[in-house]
Amino acid sequence: MSFFSRLLRRIVAAARPRPTTVWPVEAREQRLAERLLEDEALRGDLEDDAWQPVQTWLLEQVGQLAATTAGLNDSAAQVVLDDGEARLRDAAVRRVSTLGTRPEAASE
C-alpha cells in the first residue's frame, strides 16, 4: 500500500463523524426524575398522602418523556428533556395548587 493510500485512509477515517455518547433512556429518566423530585418547591406544603398521587403521575410522565429520546444523541435528547421538564414543572404546580396549596414555584 502506497504512502498516499495510507494517508487517504487516515484522512477519510478522521473525517467520519464519530458517534456521540448516547445515554440509555433509563439513565435520562433517572436524572430527570431526580431533578424534579429534589425540588421541594414543587411539593409546596402538601402532606405525604396528598403529594403521593402527584409524584406517581409525575414519575409516569418522566418515563414517557424519557422514552421519546430513544435513539437521540445526548444533545438532541437534552433539548427534548429540558422542554419536557419545564412543562412537567408547570403541570405539577397546577396540580398541587388545585389540591389547595400553592408551591413557591407558582409565584415565580
Protein backbone atom coordinates (compact mmCIF):
# COMPACT_ATOMS: atom_id res chain seq x y z
CA MET A 1 0.00 0.00 0.00
CA SER A 2 1.42 3.32 -1.03
CA PHE A 3 2.03 6.25 1.26
CA PHE A 4 -0.78 8.21 -0.41
CA SER A 5 -3.26 5.36 0.01
CA ARG A 6 -2.48 5.15 3.71
CA LEU A 7 -2.71 8.90 4.06
CA LEU A 8 -6.04 8.96 2.23
CA ARG A 9 -7.40 6.24 4.54
CA ARG A 10 -6.36 8.24 7.59
CA ILE A 11 -7.98 11.39 6.24
CA VAL A 12 -11.21 9.57 5.42
CA ALA A 13 -11.27 7.88 8.83
CA ALA A 14 -10.67 11.19 10.61
CA ALA A 15 -13.43 12.87 8.61
CA ARG A 16 -16.07 10.28 9.54
CA PRO A 17 -18.46 11.52 12.14
CA ARG A 18 -17.72 9.97 15.48
CA PRO A 19 -20.63 8.62 17.40
CA THR A 20 -21.65 10.82 20.27
CA THR A 21 -22.40 9.38 23.62
CA VAL A 22 -25.95 8.16 23.86
CA TRP A 23 -27.14 7.65 27.40
CA PRO A 24 -29.65 4.89 27.84
CA VAL A 25 -33.23 6.05 28.20
CA GLU A 26 -33.27 4.73 31.76
CA ALA A 27 -30.36 6.98 32.75
CA ARG A 28 -32.07 10.02 31.24
CA GLU A 29 -35.27 9.11 33.05
CA GLN A 30 -33.46 8.78 36.36
CA ARG A 31 -31.64 12.11 36.00
CA LEU A 32 -34.85 13.94 35.16
CA ALA A 33 -36.80 12.27 37.95
CA GLU A 34 -34.11 13.20 40.46
CA ARG A 35 -34.12 16.85 39.35
CA LEU A 36 -37.88 17.10 39.71
CA LEU A 37 -38.21 15.20 42.97
CA GLU A 38 -35.36 17.09 44.62
CA ASP A 39 -37.21 20.36 44.01
CA GLU A 40 -39.11 20.77 47.27
CA ALA A 41 -40.84 23.87 45.91
CA LEU A 42 -42.90 21.70 43.57
CA ARG A 43 -44.44 19.92 46.51
CA GLY A 44 -45.46 23.07 48.31
CA ASP A 45 -47.00 22.32 51.69
CA LEU A 46 -48.63 19.06 50.66
CA GLU A 47 -48.55 16.25 53.18
CA ASP A 48 -47.24 12.88 52.03
CA ASP A 49 -50.69 11.44 51.36
CA ALA A 50 -51.65 14.35 49.11
CA TRP A 51 -48.27 14.52 47.36
CA GLN A 52 -48.05 10.79 46.56
CA PRO A 53 -50.55 10.79 43.64
CA VAL A 54 -48.88 13.86 42.14
CA GLN A 55 -45.47 12.23 42.48
CA THR A 56 -46.73 9.00 40.92
CA TRP A 57 -48.19 10.91 37.98
CA LEU A 58 -45.01 12.96 37.62
CA LEU A 59 -42.82 9.85 37.51
CA GLU A 60 -45.07 8.23 34.90
CA GLN A 61 -44.77 11.33 32.74
CA VAL A 62 -40.98 11.39 33.20
CA GLY A 63 -40.81 7.79 31.97
CA GLN A 64 -42.86 8.59 28.89
CA LEU A 65 -40.82 11.71 28.16
CA ALA A 66 -37.51 9.87 28.51
CA ALA A 67 -38.78 7.13 26.18
CA THR A 68 -39.24 9.73 23.42
CA THR A 69 -35.48 10.31 23.47
CA ALA A 70 -34.60 6.74 22.46
CA GLY A 71 -32.09 6.83 19.63
CA LEU A 72 -31.26 10.51 20.05
CA ASN A 73 -27.77 11.68 20.84
CA ASP A 74 -27.38 13.46 24.16
CA SER A 75 -27.52 16.96 22.70
CA ALA A 76 -30.80 16.36 20.91
CA ALA A 77 -32.22 14.44 23.86
CA GLN A 78 -31.36 17.26 26.26
CA VAL A 79 -33.43 19.72 24.24
CA VAL A 80 -36.42 17.39 24.47
CA LEU A 81 -35.85 16.76 28.18
CA ASP A 82 -35.42 20.45 29.04
CA ASP A 83 -38.65 21.39 27.28
CA GLY A 84 -40.50 18.49 28.84
CA GLU A 85 -39.14 19.28 32.29
CA ALA A 86 -40.44 22.84 32.08
CA ARG A 87 -43.86 21.58 31.01
CA LEU A 88 -43.94 18.96 33.76
CA ARG A 89 -42.99 21.56 36.37
CA ASP A 90 -45.86 23.78 35.24
CA ALA A 91 -48.30 20.88 35.29
CA ALA A 92 -47.14 19.76 38.74
CA VAL A 93 -47.53 23.30 40.09
CA ARG A 94 -51.09 23.42 38.74
CA ARG A 95 -51.91 20.03 40.27
CA VAL A 96 -50.50 20.99 43.65
CA SER A 97 -52.32 24.31 43.50
CA THR A 98 -55.57 22.51 42.76
CA LEU A 99 -55.07 20.39 45.85
CA GLY A 100 -55.22 23.50 48.00
CA THR A 101 -51.67 24.72 48.44
CA ARG A 102 -49.63 26.95 46.23
CA PRO A 103 -45.96 25.95 45.87
CA GLU A 104 -43.29 28.64 45.79
CA ALA A 105 -42.56 27.81 42.13
CA ALA A 106 -46.02 29.07 41.17
CA SER A 107 -45.25 32.62 42.24
CA GLU A 108 -42.09 32.89 40.10
